[in-house]
Amino acid sequence: MNTDLLLQLIINGLIVGLLYGVVGMCFVLVYKSTQIVNFAQGEFLLLGAWVCWAFLVYMQIPFFLGFIFTMLFMALFGVLLQMIVLRPMIGEPIISVIMVTIGLSIFFQALTKWIFGVAPQSYPKVFEANSVDVFGLSIEPAYLMSTVIALMIMIGFYFFFKHSKHGLAMRATAFDQQAAQSLGISVKQVFAMSWGIAATVSATAGVVMGMVNGVSDSLSVLGIKVFPAVILGGLDSIVGAIVGGLTIGVLENLAEFFDSQYFHIGNMYDIAPFYVLLIILWFKPYGLFGTKDIERI
C-alpha cells in the first residue's frame, strides 16, 4: 500500500472538507433562520469567484484587496437578494420559495456565462511557490490559506452566535419566529443578515477553489456536493455541517485512493460519499446531529 499517497489524499480531503463544512454552515444558517433550503448556494460560490477574478484582472488590484472587495460586494448582494426577491415570498408555501431559489440558480448560471463567457479562466498568480512542504507533504498555498480562513470563519460563527446581539437574535428567530418577533426582534433583518452572511462565506470558498482549479461553471456544482454533507450532519446543525463536510471530503479522497490502487472502477471520487450518505441515513434519518421532529396526532 502506498501510505505516502494515502496520507496525502487524507490531508487533502480534510482541507477540502473544511471548505465543504464552511459552505454547509451557510446552508444551515439560511435553513435555521428562514426554514428555506437555498439551492442557489453553489451559484454564490461561482459569482464570488468571478467577481474576485474581475477585480484582479480588469482592475489590476492586489489579491488581498480584491478579496476584501469581493466579500463586501457579496455581503451587499446577499442582503439585496433577500430584500428584493425573497422577502415578498414570506408567508408563501415553502415549496414555492424553494422553487424560487432553483430559479435563481439557473438565472445566475446564465448571467455569469453572459458576462464572463463559458471558457474557464485562471487567477493571476497569487503565491510565488506552487506548493509548500508541510511535514513531508506537498500542499498548495491556496489550500493552506483556505484552512486558516475556514478555521477563522468557524471560530467567528461560534462567537457570533454565542456572544453577539445579532447572533442571539438569529438563534431566537431560528427557534421560534413569532416569539422572537414578540420580543422586538426584526425577523426581516435577521433574514437579510443570514443571506448576506451565507453569500459572503460561500464566496470565500469559491475564491479559494477558483485559485486552485480556475473559475468555471463547475464551481457551482460544489453547492450540490455540499448538500449531502449537510444532510449527513443534520440540516439544522452547524456542528453537523462541519462534521459532514469533513466526512465527505475524506471519503472522496479515500474512494479515489482505493479505486486507483485496487478497484479501477472509475468515478468513485464522485459517487462513494453518496452511497455512504444513504447507508448512514438508513440508521440516522435526521443526520448525525440533526434534531428529530416529533409530530403528535
C-alpha atoms as a PDB file:
ATOM      1  CA  MET A   1       0.000   0.000   0.000  1.00  0.00           C
ATOM      2  CA  ASN A   2       1.264   3.458  -0.946  1.00  0.00           C
ATOM      3  CA  THR A   3       0.970   5.051   2.507  1.00  0.00           C
ATOM      4  CA  ASP A   4       2.501   8.359   1.396  1.00  0.00           C
ATOM      5  CA  LEU A   5      -0.196   8.804  -1.256  1.00  0.00           C
ATOM      6  CA  LEU A   6      -2.895   7.713   1.190  1.00  0.00           C
ATOM      7  CA  LEU A   7      -1.744  10.252   3.790  1.00  0.00           C
ATOM      8  CA  GLN A   8      -1.528  12.983   1.147  1.00  0.00           C
ATOM      9  CA  LEU A   9      -5.089  12.293  -0.006  1.00  0.00           C
ATOM     10  CA  ILE A  10      -6.430  12.210   3.563  1.00  0.00           C
ATOM     11  CA  ILE A  11      -4.865  15.608   4.289  1.00  0.00           C
ATOM     12  CA  ASN A  12      -6.278  16.959   1.023  1.00  0.00           C
ATOM     13  CA  GLY A  13      -9.660  15.548   1.999  1.00  0.00           C
ATOM     14  CA  LEU A  14      -9.554  17.276   5.379  1.00  0.00           C
ATOM     15  CA  ILE A  15      -8.623  20.604   3.777  1.00  0.00           C
ATOM     16  CA  VAL A  16     -11.359  20.381   1.137  1.00  0.00           C
ATOM     17  CA  GLY A  17     -13.719  19.054   3.810  1.00  0.00           C
ATOM     18  CA  LEU A  18     -13.220  22.246   5.794  1.00  0.00           C
ATOM     19  CA  LEU A  19     -14.403  24.207   2.752  1.00  0.00           C
ATOM     20  CA  TYR A  20     -17.383  21.877   2.444  1.00  0.00           C
ATOM     21  CA  GLY A  21     -18.098  22.482   6.117  1.00  0.00           C
ATOM     22  CA  VAL A  22     -17.950  26.253   5.688  1.00  0.00           C
ATOM     23  CA  VAL A  23     -20.385  26.175   2.760  1.00  0.00           C
ATOM     24  CA  GLY A  24     -22.512  23.670   4.680  1.00  0.00           C
ATOM     25  CA  MET A  25     -22.774  26.130   7.566  1.00  0.00           C
ATOM     26  CA  CYS A  26     -24.301  28.599   5.107  1.00  0.00           C
ATOM     27  CA  PHE A  27     -26.956  26.044   4.144  1.00  0.00           C
ATOM     28  CA  VAL A  28     -27.723  25.519   7.841  1.00  0.00           C
ATOM     29  CA  LEU A  29     -27.692  29.249   8.620  1.00  0.00           C
ATOM     30  CA  VAL A  30     -30.282  30.042   5.952  1.00  0.00           C
ATOM     31  CA  TYR A  31     -32.383  26.988   6.823  1.00  0.00           C
ATOM     32  CA  LYS A  32     -32.401  27.623  10.570  1.00  0.00           C
ATOM     33  CA  SER A  33     -33.352  31.266  10.241  1.00  0.00           C
ATOM     34  CA  THR A  34     -35.802  31.067   7.322  1.00  0.00           C
ATOM     35  CA  GLN A  35     -36.751  27.351   7.030  1.00  0.00           C
ATOM     36  CA  ILE A  36     -35.630  27.517   3.384  1.00  0.00           C
ATOM     37  CA  VAL A  37     -33.131  25.250   1.622  1.00  0.00           C
ATOM     38  CA  ASN A  38     -31.155  27.523  -0.692  1.00  0.00           C
ATOM     39  CA  PHE A  39     -30.426  25.639  -3.906  1.00  0.00           C
ATOM     40  CA  ALA A  40     -28.614  28.686  -5.291  1.00  0.00           C
ATOM     41  CA  GLN A  41     -25.806  28.285  -2.747  1.00  0.00           C
ATOM     42  CA  GLY A  42     -23.416  26.917  -5.373  1.00  0.00           C
ATOM     43  CA  GLU A  43     -24.009  29.984  -7.519  1.00  0.00           C
ATOM     44  CA  PHE A  44     -22.869  32.159  -4.609  1.00  0.00           C
ATOM     45  CA  LEU A  45     -19.514  30.377  -4.867  1.00  0.00           C
ATOM     46  CA  LEU A  46     -19.418  30.850  -8.620  1.00  0.00           C
ATOM     47  CA  LEU A  47     -20.394  34.522  -8.501  1.00  0.00           C
ATOM     48  CA  GLY A  48     -17.885  35.281  -5.730  1.00  0.00           C
ATOM     49  CA  ALA A  49     -15.085  33.602  -7.691  1.00  0.00           C
ATOM     50  CA  TRP A  50     -15.926  35.556 -10.862  1.00  0.00           C
ATOM     51  CA  VAL A  51     -16.230  38.889  -9.037  1.00  0.00           C
ATOM     52  CA  CYS A  52     -12.820  38.432  -7.397  1.00  0.00           C
ATOM     53  CA  TRP A  53     -11.320  37.394 -10.741  1.00  0.00           C
ATOM     54  CA  ALA A  54     -12.763  40.541 -12.344  1.00  0.00           C
ATOM     55  CA  PHE A  55     -11.247  42.752  -9.625  1.00  0.00           C
ATOM     56  CA  LEU A  56      -7.829  41.174 -10.166  1.00  0.00           C
ATOM     57  CA  VAL A  57      -7.840  41.041 -13.987  1.00  0.00           C
ATOM     58  CA  TYR A  58      -9.830  44.093 -15.059  1.00  0.00           C
ATOM     59  CA  MET A  59      -8.959  46.478 -12.219  1.00  0.00           C
ATOM     60  CA  GLN A  60      -5.427  45.133 -11.628  1.00  0.00           C
ATOM     61  CA  ILE A  61      -5.650  45.440  -7.856  1.00  0.00           C
ATOM     62  CA  PRO A  62      -3.721  43.259  -5.365  1.00  0.00           C
ATOM     63  CA  PHE A  63      -5.299  39.928  -4.474  1.00  0.00           C
ATOM     64  CA  PHE A  64      -5.994  40.556  -0.803  1.00  0.00           C
ATOM     65  CA  LEU A  65      -7.600  43.928  -1.556  1.00  0.00           C
ATOM     66  CA  GLY A  66      -9.698  42.313  -4.290  1.00  0.00           C
ATOM     67  CA  PHE A  67     -10.640  39.556  -1.856  1.00  0.00           C
ATOM     68  CA  ILE A  68     -11.917  42.110   0.677  1.00  0.00           C
ATOM     69  CA  PHE A  69     -13.862  43.989  -2.021  1.00  0.00           C
ATOM     70  CA  THR A  70     -15.401  40.690  -3.127  1.00  0.00           C
ATOM     71  CA  MET A  71     -16.566  39.919   0.403  1.00  0.00           C
ATOM     72  CA  LEU A  72     -18.144  43.365   0.730  1.00  0.00           C
ATOM     73  CA  PHE A  73     -19.829  43.016  -2.651  1.00  0.00           C
ATOM     74  CA  MET A  74     -21.217  39.566  -1.831  1.00  0.00           C
ATOM     75  CA  ALA A  75     -22.498  40.696   1.578  1.00  0.00           C
ATOM     76  CA  LEU A  76     -24.427  43.526  -0.075  1.00  0.00           C
ATOM     77  CA  PHE A  77     -25.548  41.184  -2.845  1.00  0.00           C
ATOM     78  CA  GLY A  78     -26.944  38.627  -0.377  1.00  0.00           C
ATOM     79  CA  VAL A  79     -28.837  41.263   1.601  1.00  0.00           C
ATOM     80  CA  LEU A  80     -30.345  42.866  -1.513  1.00  0.00           C
ATOM     81  CA  LEU A  81     -31.267  39.470  -2.945  1.00  0.00           C
ATOM     82  CA  GLN A  82     -33.220  38.614   0.182  1.00  0.00           C
ATOM     83  CA  MET A  83     -34.910  42.023   0.349  1.00  0.00           C
ATOM     84  CA  ILE A  84     -35.890  42.292  -3.324  1.00  0.00           C
ATOM     85  CA  VAL A  85     -36.560  38.705  -4.392  1.00  0.00           C
ATOM     86  CA  LEU A  86     -37.217  36.592  -1.309  1.00  0.00           C
ATOM     87  CA  ARG A  87     -38.849  38.965   1.176  1.00  0.00           C
ATOM     88  CA  PRO A  88     -42.058  39.223  -0.905  1.00  0.00           C
ATOM     89  CA  MET A  89     -42.263  35.410  -0.632  1.00  0.00           C
ATOM     90  CA  ILE A  90     -42.654  35.481   3.169  1.00  0.00           C
ATOM     91  CA  GLY A  91     -45.830  33.640   4.101  1.00  0.00           C
ATOM     92  CA  GLU A  92     -45.942  31.676   0.837  1.00  0.00           C
ATOM     93  CA  PRO A  93     -45.666  27.853   0.822  1.00  0.00           C
ATOM     94  CA  ILE A  94     -42.117  26.640   1.439  1.00  0.00           C
ATOM     95  CA  ILE A  95     -42.047  24.702  -1.828  1.00  0.00           C
ATOM     96  CA  SER A  96     -42.740  27.951  -3.719  1.00  0.00           C
ATOM     97  CA  VAL A  97     -39.759  29.657  -2.086  1.00  0.00           C
ATOM     98  CA  ILE A  98     -37.529  26.644  -2.784  1.00  0.00           C
ATOM     99  CA  MET A  99     -38.554  26.802  -6.451  1.00  0.00           C
ATOM    100  CA  VAL A 100     -37.543  30.473  -6.447  1.00  0.00           C
ATOM    101  CA  THR A 101     -34.042  29.522  -5.234  1.00  0.00           C
ATOM    102  CA  ILE A 102     -33.818  26.920  -8.021  1.00  0.00           C
ATOM    103  CA  GLY A 103     -34.857  29.618 -10.497  1.00  0.00           C
ATOM    104  CA  LEU A 104     -32.187  31.928  -9.066  1.00  0.00           C
ATOM    105  CA  SER A 105     -29.625  29.163  -9.541  1.00  0.00           C
ATOM    106  CA  ILE A 106     -30.468  28.871 -13.248  1.00  0.00           C
ATOM    107  CA  PHE A 107     -30.580  32.650 -13.669  1.00  0.00           C
ATOM    108  CA  PHE A 108     -27.159  33.247 -12.078  1.00  0.00           C
ATOM    109  CA  GLN A 109     -25.568  30.488 -14.142  1.00  0.00           C
ATOM    110  CA  ALA A 110     -26.889  32.095 -17.309  1.00  0.00           C
ATOM    111  CA  LEU A 111     -25.881  35.582 -16.102  1.00  0.00           C
ATOM    112  CA  THR A 112     -22.265  34.616 -15.368  1.00  0.00           C
ATOM    113  CA  LYS A 113     -21.988  32.912 -18.779  1.00  0.00           C
ATOM    114  CA  TRP A 114     -23.323  36.038 -20.463  1.00  0.00           C
ATOM    115  CA  ILE A 115     -20.960  38.391 -18.593  1.00  0.00           C
ATOM    116  CA  PHE A 116     -17.784  36.288 -18.333  1.00  0.00           C
ATOM    117  CA  GLY A 117     -18.210  33.743 -21.125  1.00  0.00           C
ATOM    118  CA  VAL A 118     -18.035  29.969 -20.934  1.00  0.00           C
ATOM    119  CA  ALA A 119     -14.267  29.481 -21.134  1.00  0.00           C
ATOM    120  CA  PRO A 120     -12.510  28.641 -17.823  1.00  0.00           C
ATOM    121  CA  GLN A 121     -10.232  31.401 -16.546  1.00  0.00           C
ATOM    122  CA  SER A 122      -7.210  31.241 -14.266  1.00  0.00           C
ATOM    123  CA  TYR A 123      -6.481  33.638 -11.440  1.00  0.00           C
ATOM    124  CA  PRO A 124      -3.317  35.749 -11.663  1.00  0.00           C
ATOM    125  CA  LYS A 125      -0.523  34.150  -9.673  1.00  0.00           C
ATOM    126  CA  VAL A 126      -1.019  34.984  -6.001  1.00  0.00           C
ATOM    127  CA  PHE A 127       1.728  32.966  -4.313  1.00  0.00           C
ATOM    128  CA  GLU A 128       5.301  32.604  -5.507  1.00  0.00           C
ATOM    129  CA  ALA A 129       5.553  28.920  -4.596  1.00  0.00           C
ATOM    130  CA  ASN A 130       3.401  26.313  -6.330  1.00  0.00           C
ATOM    131  CA  SER A 131       3.432  24.099  -3.249  1.00  0.00           C
ATOM    132  CA  VAL A 132       4.575  24.167   0.365  1.00  0.00           C
ATOM    133  CA  ASP A 133       6.225  21.259   2.153  1.00  0.00           C
ATOM    134  CA  VAL A 134       4.423  20.537   5.443  1.00  0.00           C
ATOM    135  CA  PHE A 135       5.792  17.552   7.374  1.00  0.00           C
ATOM    136  CA  GLY A 136       6.891  15.975   4.123  1.00  0.00           C
ATOM    137  CA  LEU A 137       3.557  16.586   2.382  1.00  0.00           C
ATOM    138  CA  SER A 138       3.165  18.851  -0.648  1.00  0.00           C
ATOM    139  CA  ILE A 139       0.245  21.274  -0.162  1.00  0.00           C
ATOM    140  CA  GLU A 140      -0.803  24.193  -2.355  1.00  0.00           C
ATOM    141  CA  PRO A 141      -0.551  27.602  -0.623  1.00  0.00           C
ATOM    142  CA  ALA A 142      -4.179  28.347  -1.565  1.00  0.00           C
ATOM    143  CA  TYR A 143      -5.288  25.299   0.422  1.00  0.00           C
ATOM    144  CA  LEU A 144      -3.251  26.427   3.422  1.00  0.00           C
ATOM    145  CA  MET A 145      -4.867  29.849   3.159  1.00  0.00           C
ATOM    146  CA  SER A 146      -8.296  28.203   2.903  1.00  0.00           C
ATOM    147  CA  THR A 147      -7.621  26.162   6.036  1.00  0.00           C
ATOM    148  CA  VAL A 148      -6.775  29.277   8.032  1.00  0.00           C
ATOM    149  CA  ILE A 149      -9.783  31.169   6.667  1.00  0.00           C
ATOM    150  CA  ALA A 150     -12.151  28.232   7.287  1.00  0.00           C
ATOM    151  CA  LEU A 151     -10.996  27.883  10.880  1.00  0.00           C
ATOM    152  CA  MET A 152     -11.344  31.639  11.412  1.00  0.00           C
ATOM    153  CA  ILE A 153     -14.887  31.536   9.979  1.00  0.00           C
ATOM    154  CA  MET A 154     -15.845  28.637  12.253  1.00  0.00           C
ATOM    155  CA  ILE A 155     -14.464  30.423  15.319  1.00  0.00           C
ATOM    156  CA  GLY A 156     -16.207  33.607  14.184  1.00  0.00           C
ATOM    157  CA  PHE A 157     -19.510  31.751  13.849  1.00  0.00           C
ATOM    158  CA  TYR A 158     -19.127  30.400  17.379  1.00  0.00           C
ATOM    159  CA  PHE A 159     -18.547  33.805  18.976  1.00  0.00           C
ATOM    160  CA  PHE A 160     -21.163  35.447  16.740  1.00  0.00           C
ATOM    161  CA  PHE A 161     -23.922  33.085  17.843  1.00  0.00           C
ATOM    162  CA  LYS A 162     -22.842  32.835  21.470  1.00  0.00           C
ATOM    163  CA  HIS A 163     -21.904  36.383  22.379  1.00  0.00           C
ATOM    164  CA  SER A 164     -23.200  38.935  19.852  1.00  0.00           C
ATOM    165  CA  LYS A 165     -26.544  40.688  19.933  1.00  0.00           C
ATOM    166  CA  HIS A 166     -27.312  39.868  16.298  1.00  0.00           C
ATOM    167  CA  GLY A 167     -26.210  36.265  16.724  1.00  0.00           C
ATOM    168  CA  LEU A 168     -28.522  35.765  19.685  1.00  0.00           C
ATOM    169  CA  ALA A 169     -31.353  37.377  17.704  1.00  0.00           C
ATOM    170  CA  MET A 170     -30.680  34.969  14.859  1.00  0.00           C
ATOM    171  CA  ARG A 171     -30.740  31.979  17.223  1.00  0.00           C
ATOM    172  CA  ALA A 172     -34.024  33.166  18.730  1.00  0.00           C
ATOM    173  CA  THR A 173     -35.550  33.601  15.275  1.00  0.00           C
ATOM    174  CA  ALA A 174     -34.423  30.114  14.265  1.00  0.00           C
ATOM    175  CA  PHE A 175     -36.063  28.669  17.386  1.00  0.00           C
ATOM    176  CA  ASP A 176     -39.405  30.468  17.088  1.00  0.00           C
ATOM    177  CA  GLN A 177     -40.037  33.327  14.673  1.00  0.00           C
ATOM    178  CA  GLN A 178     -43.259  34.519  16.298  1.00  0.00           C
ATOM    179  CA  ALA A 179     -41.762  34.507  19.790  1.00  0.00           C
ATOM    180  CA  ALA A 180     -38.697  36.372  18.537  1.00  0.00           C
ATOM    181  CA  GLN A 181     -40.883  38.998  16.900  1.00  0.00           C
ATOM    182  CA  SER A 182     -42.868  39.454  20.114  1.00  0.00           C
ATOM    183  CA  LEU A 183     -39.555  40.228  21.868  1.00  0.00           C
ATOM    184  CA  GLY A 184     -38.841  43.078  19.465  1.00  0.00           C
ATOM    185  CA  ILE A 185     -36.516  41.216  17.110  1.00  0.00           C
ATOM    186  CA  SER A 186     -36.823  42.254  13.478  1.00  0.00           C
ATOM    187  CA  VAL A 187     -37.278  38.934  11.688  1.00  0.00           C
ATOM    188  CA  LYS A 188     -36.859  40.652   8.308  1.00  0.00           C
ATOM    189  CA  GLN A 189     -33.454  41.983   9.349  1.00  0.00           C
ATOM    190  CA  VAL A 190     -32.430  38.536  10.587  1.00  0.00           C
ATOM    191  CA  PHE A 191     -33.444  37.003   7.249  1.00  0.00           C
ATOM    192  CA  ALA A 192     -31.437  39.606   5.318  1.00  0.00           C
ATOM    193  CA  MET A 193     -28.438  39.141   7.601  1.00  0.00           C
ATOM    194  CA  SER A 194     -28.467  35.364   7.183  1.00  0.00           C
ATOM    195  CA  TRP A 195     -28.471  35.641   3.392  1.00  0.00           C
ATOM    196  CA  GLY A 196     -25.726  38.260   3.465  1.00  0.00           C
ATOM    197  CA  ILE A 197     -23.511  36.059   5.642  1.00  0.00           C
ATOM    198  CA  ALA A 198     -24.264  32.982   3.521  1.00  0.00           C
ATOM    199  CA  ALA A 199     -23.329  34.784   0.297  1.00  0.00           C
ATOM    200  CA  THR A 200     -20.116  36.181   1.784  1.00  0.00           C
ATOM    201  CA  VAL A 201     -18.864  32.943   3.328  1.00  0.00           C
ATOM    202  CA  SER A 202     -19.757  30.884   0.252  1.00  0.00           C
ATOM    203  CA  ALA A 203     -17.879  33.357  -1.946  1.00  0.00           C
ATOM    204  CA  THR A 204     -14.793  32.770   0.198  1.00  0.00           C
ATOM    205  CA  ALA A 205     -14.856  29.085  -0.707  1.00  0.00           C
ATOM    206  CA  GLY A 206     -15.458  29.996  -4.346  1.00  0.00           C
ATOM    207  CA  VAL A 207     -12.384  32.244  -4.453  1.00  0.00           C
ATOM    208  CA  VAL A 208     -10.166  29.537  -2.942  1.00  0.00           C
ATOM    209  CA  MET A 209     -11.411  26.864  -5.346  1.00  0.00           C
ATOM    210  CA  GLY A 210     -11.007  29.318  -8.216  1.00  0.00           C
ATOM    211  CA  MET A 211      -7.384  29.929  -7.233  1.00  0.00           C
ATOM    212  CA  VAL A 212      -6.671  26.180  -7.307  1.00  0.00           C
ATOM    213  CA  ASN A 213      -8.721  24.961 -10.271  1.00  0.00           C
ATOM    214  CA  GLY A 214      -9.607  28.135 -12.176  1.00  0.00           C
ATOM    215  CA  VAL A 215     -13.022  29.754 -12.485  1.00  0.00           C
ATOM    216  CA  SER A 216     -15.675  27.927 -14.484  1.00  0.00           C
ATOM    217  CA  ASP A 217     -19.293  26.819 -14.245  1.00  0.00           C
ATOM    218  CA  SER A 218     -18.157  23.648 -12.486  1.00  0.00           C
ATOM    219  CA  LEU A 219     -17.706  25.670  -9.276  1.00  0.00           C
ATOM    220  CA  SER A 220     -21.465  25.847  -8.837  1.00  0.00           C
ATOM    221  CA  VAL A 221     -21.559  22.030  -8.635  1.00  0.00           C
ATOM    222  CA  LEU A 222     -19.809  22.353  -5.273  1.00  0.00           C
ATOM    223  CA  GLY A 223     -23.084  23.581  -3.816  1.00  0.00           C
ATOM    224  CA  ILE A 224     -24.756  20.304  -4.786  1.00  0.00           C
ATOM    225  CA  LYS A 225     -21.802  18.285  -3.472  1.00  0.00           C
ATOM    226  CA  VAL A 226     -22.025  20.059  -0.130  1.00  0.00           C
ATOM    227  CA  PHE A 227     -25.736  19.323   0.255  1.00  0.00           C
ATOM    228  CA  PRO A 228     -25.152  15.621   1.102  1.00  0.00           C
ATOM    229  CA  ALA A 229     -22.647  16.747   3.733  1.00  0.00           C
ATOM    230  CA  VAL A 230     -25.314  18.980   5.282  1.00  0.00           C
ATOM    231  CA  ILE A 231     -27.893  16.185   5.247  1.00  0.00           C
ATOM    232  CA  LEU A 232     -25.312  13.816   6.721  1.00  0.00           C
ATOM    233  CA  GLY A 233     -24.548  16.151   9.621  1.00  0.00           C
ATOM    234  CA  GLY A 234     -28.130  17.303  10.115  1.00  0.00           C
ATOM    235  CA  LEU A 235     -29.852  20.113   8.230  1.00  0.00           C
ATOM    236  CA  ASP A 236     -30.303  22.220  11.370  1.00  0.00           C
ATOM    237  CA  SER A 237     -26.881  21.655  12.971  1.00  0.00           C
ATOM    238  CA  ILE A 238     -23.872  23.943  12.495  1.00  0.00           C
ATOM    239  CA  VAL A 239     -21.589  21.346  14.100  1.00  0.00           C
ATOM    240  CA  GLY A 240     -23.158  18.688  11.886  1.00  0.00           C
ATOM    241  CA  ALA A 241     -22.333  20.729   8.777  1.00  0.00           C
ATOM    242  CA  ILE A 242     -18.662  20.837   9.775  1.00  0.00           C
ATOM    243  CA  VAL A 243     -18.514  17.117  10.616  1.00  0.00           C
ATOM    244  CA  GLY A 244     -20.445  16.241   7.462  1.00  0.00           C
ATOM    245  CA  GLY A 245     -18.143  18.366   5.315  1.00  0.00           C
ATOM    246  CA  LEU A 246     -15.009  16.776   6.759  1.00  0.00           C
ATOM    247  CA  THR A 247     -16.530  13.300   6.355  1.00  0.00           C
ATOM    248  CA  ILE A 248     -17.458  13.822   2.704  1.00  0.00           C
ATOM    249  CA  GLY A 249     -14.081  15.407   1.929  1.00  0.00           C
ATOM    250  CA  VAL A 250     -12.129  12.478   3.382  1.00  0.00           C
ATOM    251  CA  LEU A 251     -14.447   9.852   1.860  1.00  0.00           C
ATOM    252  CA  GLU A 252     -13.993  11.344  -1.612  1.00  0.00           C
ATOM    253  CA  ASN A 253     -10.239  11.081  -1.376  1.00  0.00           C
ATOM    254  CA  LEU A 254     -10.271   7.614   0.207  1.00  0.00           C
ATOM    255  CA  ALA A 255     -12.519   6.422  -2.613  1.00  0.00           C
ATOM    256  CA  GLU A 256     -10.099   7.903  -5.150  1.00  0.00           C
ATOM    257  CA  PHE A 257      -7.172   6.113  -3.476  1.00  0.00           C
ATOM    258  CA  PHE A 258      -8.745   2.662  -3.290  1.00  0.00           C
ATOM    259  CA  ASP A 259     -10.195   2.964  -6.776  1.00  0.00           C
ATOM    260  CA  SER A 260      -6.861   3.951  -8.321  1.00  0.00           C
ATOM    261  CA  GLN A 261      -4.889   1.327  -6.378  1.00  0.00           C
ATOM    262  CA  TYR A 262      -7.248  -1.652  -6.298  1.00  0.00           C
ATOM    263  CA  PHE A 263     -10.754  -1.439  -7.783  1.00  0.00           C
ATOM    264  CA  HIS A 264     -10.225   0.534 -11.026  1.00  0.00           C
ATOM    265  CA  ILE A 265     -13.965   1.169 -11.342  1.00  0.00           C
ATOM    266  CA  GLY A 266     -13.726   4.865 -12.152  1.00  0.00           C
ATOM    267  CA  ASN A 267     -15.769   7.816 -10.873  1.00  0.00           C
ATOM    268  CA  MET A 268     -15.609   6.530  -7.277  1.00  0.00           C
ATOM    269  CA  TYR A 269     -14.484  10.002  -6.167  1.00  0.00           C
ATOM    270  CA  ASP A 270     -17.889  11.435  -7.076  1.00  0.00           C
ATOM    271  CA  ILE A 271     -20.279   8.656  -6.076  1.00  0.00           C
ATOM    272  CA  ALA A 272     -18.790   6.990  -2.959  1.00  0.00           C
ATOM    273  CA  PRO A 273     -19.886   9.733  -0.500  1.00  0.00           C
ATOM    274  CA  PHE A 274     -23.474   9.422  -1.702  1.00  0.00           C
ATOM    275  CA  TYR A 275     -23.527   5.678  -1.023  1.00  0.00           C
ATOM    276  CA  VAL A 276     -22.177   6.270   2.478  1.00  0.00           C
ATOM    277  CA  LEU A 277     -24.773   9.019   2.934  1.00  0.00           C
ATOM    278  CA  LEU A 278     -27.571   6.599   2.071  1.00  0.00           C
ATOM    279  CA  ILE A 279     -26.269   3.972   4.485  1.00  0.00           C
ATOM    280  CA  ILE A 280     -25.988   6.458   7.374  1.00  0.00           C
ATOM    281  CA  LEU A 281     -29.433   7.926   6.715  1.00  0.00           C
ATOM    282  CA  TRP A 282     -30.977   4.457   6.921  1.00  0.00           C
ATOM    283  CA  PHE A 283     -29.979   4.416  10.577  1.00  0.00           C
ATOM    284  CA  LYS A 284     -29.992   8.180  11.311  1.00  0.00           C
ATOM    285  CA  PRO A 285     -32.756   9.748   9.164  1.00  0.00           C
ATOM    286  CA  TYR A 286     -32.190  13.209  10.685  1.00  0.00           C
ATOM    287  CA  GLY A 287     -28.424  13.076  10.204  1.00  0.00           C
ATOM    288  CA  LEU A 288     -25.695  12.639  12.775  1.00  0.00           C
ATOM    289  CA  PHE A 289     -26.552  15.806  14.735  1.00  0.00           C
ATOM    290  CA  GLY A 290     -29.976  16.779  13.369  1.00  0.00           C
ATOM    291  CA  THR A 291     -32.922  17.466  15.648  1.00  0.00           C
ATOM    292  CA  LYS A 292     -35.584  14.782  15.484  1.00  0.00           C
ATOM    293  CA  ASP A 293     -39.043  16.208  14.825  1.00  0.00           C
ATOM    294  CA  ILE A 294     -41.873  14.596  16.785  1.00  0.00           C
ATOM    295  CA  GLU A 295     -45.364  15.170  15.471  1.00  0.00           C
ATOM    296  CA  ARG A 296     -48.353  14.300  17.632  1.00  0.00           C
ATOM    297  CA  ILE A 297     -51.681  13.451  16.069  1.00  0.00           C
END
